[in-house]
Amino acid sequence: MKELLLVCIGSFFGGGARYLVGKAVQSWVAVSFPWGTMAVNITGCFLIGLLSGLSLGGQISPTTKQVLVTGFCGGFTTFSTFMNENLLLGRDGAILSAVLYTLLSLAFGLIAVIIGYQIVKL
C-alpha cells in the first residue's frame, strides 16, 4: 500500500508538471503543431533515461525510482495525448504533420533516453 501511495504522489506532481510545461511550450508557438506534448514526452524520456541509469548504478533507491520513474514520469509523459493529437492531425488532413510529429517524437524520445543514461556514466 505504501508503494501505491508513493506512485500516486509522484503521478500527481508529474501530471501537474505536464500541464504547466505543455501549456508554456505551446504558448511560445503560433502554429497548431503539438509542440507542447512533444516537448513533454521528450523531456520525460530524458528523465526516465537519467533516473533509470541512476537506479541501475545504485545512486537512487528502489523507492525513489518508484516515485520518480513510475509516478512522476508516468504522470508527466502522455502517450494517449500523443496518439489523440496524431488522430486529430490526420482527421484535419494534416497527414504530413502527423507523420512528422510521430517521427520526431520517436527519434528525439529515443535520443533523450540515451542521453539520460549517458549522463549517469560521466
N, C-alpha and C. Protein backbone atom coordinates (compact mmCIF):
# COMPACT_ATOMS: atom_id res chain seq x y z
N MET A 1 0.82 -1.20 0.00
CA MET A 1 0.00 0.00 0.00
C MET A 1 0.86 1.27 0.00
N LYS A 2 2.00 1.20 0.70
CA LYS A 2 2.90 2.35 0.75
C LYS A 2 3.41 2.70 -0.65
N GLU A 3 3.76 1.65 -1.43
CA GLU A 3 4.27 1.88 -2.78
C GLU A 3 3.23 2.56 -3.66
N LEU A 4 1.98 2.12 -3.54
CA LEU A 4 0.90 2.72 -4.31
C LEU A 4 0.74 4.20 -3.98
N LEU A 5 0.79 4.53 -2.72
CA LEU A 5 0.67 5.93 -2.31
C LEU A 5 1.83 6.76 -2.86
N LEU A 6 3.03 6.21 -2.82
CA LEU A 6 4.19 6.94 -3.35
C LEU A 6 4.07 7.17 -4.86
N VAL A 7 3.61 6.16 -5.59
CA VAL A 7 3.42 6.31 -7.04
C VAL A 7 2.34 7.35 -7.32
N CYS A 8 1.27 7.33 -6.53
CA CYS A 8 0.19 8.30 -6.71
C CYS A 8 0.68 9.73 -6.46
N ILE A 9 1.50 9.91 -5.44
CA ILE A 9 2.06 11.24 -5.16
C ILE A 9 2.92 11.70 -6.32
N GLY A 10 3.80 10.82 -6.82
CA GLY A 10 4.63 11.17 -7.96
C GLY A 10 3.79 11.49 -9.19
N SER A 11 2.74 10.72 -9.43
CA SER A 11 1.85 10.95 -10.58
C SER A 11 1.14 12.29 -10.48
N PHE A 12 0.74 12.65 -9.27
CA PHE A 12 0.08 13.93 -9.05
C PHE A 12 0.97 15.09 -9.51
N PHE A 13 2.21 15.07 -9.07
CA PHE A 13 3.13 16.14 -9.44
C PHE A 13 3.55 16.05 -10.91
N GLY A 14 3.69 14.84 -11.42
CA GLY A 14 4.01 14.68 -12.84
C GLY A 14 2.92 15.20 -13.74
N GLY A 15 1.67 14.92 -13.39
CA GLY A 15 0.55 15.42 -14.19
C GLY A 15 0.46 16.93 -14.16
N GLY A 16 0.68 17.52 -13.00
CA GLY A 16 0.69 18.98 -12.89
C GLY A 16 1.81 19.60 -13.71
N ALA A 17 2.98 18.99 -13.63
CA ALA A 17 4.12 19.48 -14.40
C ALA A 17 3.86 19.35 -15.90
N ARG A 18 3.23 18.24 -16.30
CA ARG A 18 2.90 18.05 -17.71
C ARG A 18 2.00 19.18 -18.21
N TYR A 19 1.00 19.50 -17.44
CA TYR A 19 0.08 20.57 -17.82
C TYR A 19 0.82 21.90 -17.97
N LEU A 20 1.63 22.24 -16.97
CA LEU A 20 2.33 23.53 -16.99
C LEU A 20 3.36 23.62 -18.11
N VAL A 21 4.16 22.58 -18.28
CA VAL A 21 5.19 22.60 -19.33
C VAL A 21 4.55 22.59 -20.71
N GLY A 22 3.55 21.74 -20.91
CA GLY A 22 2.89 21.67 -22.21
C GLY A 22 2.25 22.99 -22.61
N LYS A 23 1.56 23.62 -21.67
CA LYS A 23 0.92 24.92 -21.94
C LYS A 23 1.97 25.99 -22.21
N ALA A 24 3.05 25.99 -21.43
CA ALA A 24 4.09 27.01 -21.62
C ALA A 24 4.73 26.88 -23.00
N VAL A 25 5.11 25.67 -23.38
CA VAL A 25 5.75 25.47 -24.68
C VAL A 25 4.78 25.82 -25.80
N GLN A 26 3.54 25.36 -25.70
CA GLN A 26 2.57 25.62 -26.76
C GLN A 26 2.28 27.11 -26.91
N SER A 27 2.37 27.86 -25.81
CA SER A 27 2.10 29.30 -25.88
C SER A 27 3.22 30.06 -26.59
N TRP A 28 4.38 29.45 -26.72
CA TRP A 28 5.51 30.10 -27.38
C TRP A 28 5.43 29.99 -28.90
N VAL A 29 4.60 29.09 -29.40
CA VAL A 29 4.50 28.89 -30.85
C VAL A 29 3.10 29.25 -31.32
N ALA A 30 3.02 29.72 -32.53
CA ALA A 30 1.73 30.17 -33.06
C ALA A 30 1.10 29.18 -34.02
N VAL A 31 1.68 27.99 -34.16
CA VAL A 31 1.14 27.00 -35.08
C VAL A 31 0.38 25.93 -34.31
N SER A 32 -0.46 25.19 -35.02
CA SER A 32 -1.27 24.18 -34.37
C SER A 32 -0.54 22.86 -34.15
N PHE A 33 0.71 22.77 -34.55
CA PHE A 33 1.51 21.57 -34.32
C PHE A 33 1.65 21.35 -32.81
N PRO A 34 1.52 20.14 -32.31
CA PRO A 34 1.54 19.89 -30.86
C PRO A 34 2.94 19.89 -30.24
N TRP A 35 3.60 21.03 -30.30
CA TRP A 35 4.95 21.15 -29.74
C TRP A 35 4.97 20.91 -28.23
N GLY A 36 3.92 21.34 -27.53
CA GLY A 36 3.88 21.19 -26.07
C GLY A 36 3.94 19.74 -25.65
N THR A 37 3.11 18.90 -26.26
CA THR A 37 3.11 17.47 -25.92
C THR A 37 4.42 16.82 -26.30
N MET A 38 4.95 17.19 -27.46
CA MET A 38 6.21 16.61 -27.88
C MET A 38 7.34 16.98 -26.92
N ALA A 39 7.37 18.22 -26.48
CA ALA A 39 8.40 18.66 -25.53
C ALA A 39 8.28 17.91 -24.22
N VAL A 40 7.05 17.72 -23.75
CA VAL A 40 6.82 16.98 -22.51
C VAL A 40 7.31 15.54 -22.66
N ASN A 41 6.95 14.90 -23.75
CA ASN A 41 7.33 13.50 -23.93
C ASN A 41 8.83 13.32 -24.09
N ILE A 42 9.49 14.22 -24.80
CA ILE A 42 10.95 14.11 -24.96
C ILE A 42 11.64 14.39 -23.63
N THR A 43 11.17 15.39 -22.89
CA THR A 43 11.73 15.67 -21.57
C THR A 43 11.52 14.47 -20.65
N GLY A 44 10.33 13.86 -20.71
CA GLY A 44 10.06 12.67 -19.91
C GLY A 44 10.98 11.52 -20.28
N CYS A 45 11.25 11.35 -21.56
CA CYS A 45 12.19 10.31 -22.00
C CYS A 45 13.57 10.54 -21.42
N PHE A 46 14.01 11.80 -21.46
CA PHE A 46 15.31 12.13 -20.87
C PHE A 46 15.33 11.80 -19.38
N LEU A 47 14.28 12.22 -18.67
CA LEU A 47 14.22 11.97 -17.22
C LEU A 47 14.20 10.48 -16.90
N ILE A 48 13.42 9.70 -17.67
CA ILE A 48 13.38 8.26 -17.44
C ILE A 48 14.74 7.64 -17.69
N GLY A 49 15.43 8.06 -18.74
CA GLY A 49 16.78 7.56 -19.00
C GLY A 49 17.74 7.90 -17.88
N LEU A 50 17.70 9.15 -17.45
CA LEU A 50 18.59 9.61 -16.37
C LEU A 50 18.30 8.86 -15.07
N LEU A 51 17.05 8.81 -14.69
CA LEU A 51 16.67 8.17 -13.42
C LEU A 51 16.89 6.66 -13.45
N SER A 52 16.62 6.03 -14.58
CA SER A 52 16.86 4.59 -14.69
C SER A 52 18.35 4.29 -14.64
N GLY A 53 19.14 5.14 -15.27
CA GLY A 53 20.59 4.97 -15.20
C GLY A 53 21.09 5.13 -13.77
N LEU A 54 20.57 6.11 -13.06
CA LEU A 54 20.94 6.29 -11.66
C LEU A 54 20.52 5.10 -10.81
N SER A 55 19.37 4.55 -11.11
CA SER A 55 18.88 3.39 -10.37
C SER A 55 19.76 2.17 -10.62
N LEU A 56 20.11 1.95 -11.87
CA LEU A 56 20.98 0.81 -12.20
C LEU A 56 22.34 0.94 -11.54
N GLY A 57 22.82 2.16 -11.39
CA GLY A 57 24.11 2.41 -10.75
C GLY A 57 24.02 2.43 -9.23
N GLY A 58 22.82 2.26 -8.69
CA GLY A 58 22.64 2.24 -7.24
C GLY A 58 22.65 3.62 -6.60
N GLN A 59 22.55 4.68 -7.41
CA GLN A 59 22.60 6.03 -6.86
C GLN A 59 21.25 6.52 -6.34
N ILE A 60 20.17 5.86 -6.73
CA ILE A 60 18.87 6.15 -6.13
C ILE A 60 18.25 4.83 -5.69
N SER A 61 17.47 4.89 -4.65
CA SER A 61 16.86 3.69 -4.08
C SER A 61 15.70 3.20 -4.94
N PRO A 62 15.32 1.92 -4.77
CA PRO A 62 14.14 1.42 -5.48
C PRO A 62 12.88 2.23 -5.16
N THR A 63 12.74 2.71 -3.94
CA THR A 63 11.57 3.50 -3.58
C THR A 63 11.58 4.84 -4.31
N THR A 64 12.74 5.48 -4.37
CA THR A 64 12.85 6.75 -5.10
C THR A 64 12.57 6.54 -6.58
N LYS A 65 13.05 5.43 -7.11
CA LYS A 65 12.77 5.11 -8.52
C LYS A 65 11.27 4.97 -8.74
N GLN A 66 10.57 4.30 -7.82
CA GLN A 66 9.12 4.15 -7.96
C GLN A 66 8.43 5.50 -8.00
N VAL A 67 8.82 6.39 -7.10
CA VAL A 67 8.19 7.70 -7.03
C VAL A 67 8.47 8.51 -8.29
N LEU A 68 9.73 8.53 -8.72
CA LEU A 68 10.12 9.40 -9.82
C LEU A 68 9.87 8.81 -11.21
N VAL A 69 10.20 7.52 -11.40
CA VAL A 69 10.04 6.93 -12.73
C VAL A 69 8.59 6.50 -12.96
N THR A 70 8.08 5.62 -12.10
CA THR A 70 6.72 5.12 -12.29
C THR A 70 5.70 6.23 -12.02
N GLY A 71 5.89 6.98 -10.94
CA GLY A 71 4.94 8.01 -10.56
C GLY A 71 5.08 9.29 -11.37
N PHE A 72 6.16 10.04 -11.12
CA PHE A 72 6.31 11.34 -11.76
C PHE A 72 6.37 11.24 -13.27
N CYS A 73 7.30 10.42 -13.79
CA CYS A 73 7.44 10.32 -15.25
C CYS A 73 6.20 9.70 -15.89
N GLY A 74 5.57 8.75 -15.21
CA GLY A 74 4.35 8.16 -15.72
C GLY A 74 3.23 9.19 -15.83
N GLY A 75 3.15 10.08 -14.84
CA GLY A 75 2.14 11.13 -14.88
C GLY A 75 2.53 12.28 -15.80
N PHE A 76 3.83 12.45 -16.00
CA PHE A 76 4.33 13.57 -16.80
C PHE A 76 4.20 13.30 -18.30
N THR A 77 4.61 12.12 -18.74
CA THR A 77 4.54 11.82 -20.17
C THR A 77 3.12 11.43 -20.54
N THR A 78 2.82 11.51 -21.80
CA THR A 78 1.42 11.40 -22.19
C THR A 78 1.24 10.74 -23.56
N PHE A 79 1.35 9.43 -23.59
CA PHE A 79 1.21 8.71 -24.84
C PHE A 79 -0.20 8.83 -25.41
N SER A 80 -1.20 8.79 -24.55
CA SER A 80 -2.57 8.88 -25.05
C SER A 80 -2.84 10.22 -25.72
N THR A 81 -2.31 11.30 -25.17
CA THR A 81 -2.47 12.61 -25.80
C THR A 81 -1.72 12.65 -27.13
N PHE A 82 -0.54 12.07 -27.16
CA PHE A 82 0.25 11.98 -28.38
C PHE A 82 -0.55 11.28 -29.48
N MET A 83 -1.17 10.15 -29.14
CA MET A 83 -1.94 9.41 -30.13
C MET A 83 -3.19 10.19 -30.57
N ASN A 84 -3.86 10.83 -29.64
CA ASN A 84 -5.05 11.62 -29.97
C ASN A 84 -4.69 12.79 -30.88
N GLU A 85 -3.59 13.46 -30.59
CA GLU A 85 -3.17 14.58 -31.44
C GLU A 85 -2.83 14.11 -32.84
N ASN A 86 -2.23 12.91 -32.95
CA ASN A 86 -1.99 12.35 -34.28
C ASN A 86 -3.29 12.09 -35.02
N LEU A 87 -4.26 11.53 -34.32
CA LEU A 87 -5.57 11.29 -34.92
C LEU A 87 -6.20 12.59 -35.41
N LEU A 88 -6.14 13.63 -34.58
CA LEU A 88 -6.73 14.91 -34.94
C LEU A 88 -6.01 15.54 -36.13
N LEU A 89 -4.69 15.44 -36.15
CA LEU A 89 -3.94 15.96 -37.30
C LEU A 89 -4.37 15.24 -38.57
N GLY A 90 -4.45 13.92 -38.50
CA GLY A 90 -4.86 13.14 -39.67
C GLY A 90 -6.29 13.45 -40.09
N ARG A 91 -7.17 13.57 -39.13
CA ARG A 91 -8.58 13.89 -39.43
C ARG A 91 -8.72 15.25 -40.09
N ASP A 92 -7.85 16.18 -39.70
CA ASP A 92 -7.89 17.52 -40.27
C ASP A 92 -7.13 17.61 -41.60
N GLY A 93 -6.64 16.48 -42.09
CA GLY A 93 -5.96 16.45 -43.37
C GLY A 93 -4.48 16.80 -43.30
N ALA A 94 -3.94 16.95 -42.11
CA ALA A 94 -2.54 17.31 -41.94
C ALA A 94 -1.69 16.03 -41.78
N ILE A 95 -1.76 15.18 -42.79
CA ILE A 95 -1.08 13.89 -42.73
C ILE A 95 0.43 14.06 -42.59
N LEU A 96 1.00 14.99 -43.33
CA LEU A 96 2.44 15.22 -43.24
C LEU A 96 2.82 15.66 -41.82
N SER A 97 2.03 16.53 -41.21
CA SER A 97 2.30 16.94 -39.83
C SER A 97 2.20 15.77 -38.87
N ALA A 98 1.22 14.89 -39.07
CA ALA A 98 1.07 13.72 -38.20
C ALA A 98 2.28 12.80 -38.32
N VAL A 99 2.73 12.57 -39.54
CA VAL A 99 3.90 11.72 -39.76
C VAL A 99 5.14 12.37 -39.16
N LEU A 100 5.32 13.66 -39.39
CA LEU A 100 6.46 14.39 -38.84
C LEU A 100 6.44 14.35 -37.31
N TYR A 101 5.29 14.57 -36.73
CA TYR A 101 5.13 14.54 -35.28
C TYR A 101 5.53 13.17 -34.72
N THR A 102 5.07 12.12 -35.36
CA THR A 102 5.40 10.76 -34.92
C THR A 102 6.89 10.49 -35.03
N LEU A 103 7.46 10.79 -36.18
CA LEU A 103 8.88 10.52 -36.40
C LEU A 103 9.78 11.34 -35.48
N LEU A 104 9.46 12.63 -35.35
CA LEU A 104 10.26 13.47 -34.46
C LEU A 104 10.14 13.02 -33.00
N SER A 105 8.95 12.67 -32.59
CA SER A 105 8.73 12.22 -31.21
C SER A 105 9.51 10.94 -30.92
N LEU A 106 9.44 9.99 -31.85
CA LEU A 106 10.15 8.72 -31.65
C LEU A 106 11.67 8.92 -31.68
N ALA A 107 12.15 9.66 -32.66
CA ALA A 107 13.60 9.86 -32.79
C ALA A 107 14.17 10.64 -31.61
N PHE A 108 13.57 11.79 -31.31
CA PHE A 108 14.09 12.61 -30.22
C PHE A 108 13.84 11.97 -28.86
N GLY A 109 12.74 11.21 -28.73
CA GLY A 109 12.49 10.50 -27.48
C GLY A 109 13.56 9.47 -27.20
N LEU A 110 13.92 8.69 -28.22
CA LEU A 110 14.97 7.69 -28.05
C LEU A 110 16.31 8.36 -27.76
N ILE A 111 16.63 9.42 -28.48
CA ILE A 111 17.88 10.16 -28.24
C ILE A 111 17.91 10.70 -26.81
N ALA A 112 16.77 11.20 -26.34
CA ALA A 112 16.71 11.76 -24.99
C ALA A 112 16.94 10.68 -23.93
N VAL A 113 16.38 9.48 -24.12
CA VAL A 113 16.62 8.38 -23.17
C VAL A 113 18.10 8.02 -23.16
N ILE A 114 18.68 7.92 -24.33
CA ILE A 114 20.11 7.58 -24.43
C ILE A 114 20.97 8.63 -23.74
N ILE A 115 20.68 9.90 -23.97
CA ILE A 115 21.43 10.98 -23.33
C ILE A 115 21.28 10.89 -21.82
N GLY A 116 20.08 10.63 -21.33
CA GLY A 116 19.86 10.48 -19.90
C GLY A 116 20.72 9.39 -19.29
N TYR A 117 20.76 8.23 -19.94
CA TYR A 117 21.63 7.14 -19.47
C TYR A 117 23.10 7.54 -19.53
N GLN A 118 23.50 8.20 -20.61
CA GLN A 118 24.90 8.57 -20.79
C GLN A 118 25.38 9.58 -19.75
N ILE A 119 24.52 10.47 -19.34
CA ILE A 119 24.92 11.46 -18.33
C ILE A 119 25.33 10.77 -17.04
N VAL A 120 24.65 9.69 -16.70
CA VAL A 120 24.96 8.96 -15.48
C VAL A 120 26.37 8.37 -15.55
N LYS A 121 26.80 7.99 -16.75
CA LYS A 121 28.12 7.39 -16.92
C LYS A 121 29.27 8.38 -16.80
N LEU A 122 28.96 9.67 -16.87
CA LEU A 122 30.03 10.69 -16.84
C LEU A 122 30.73 10.75 -15.52
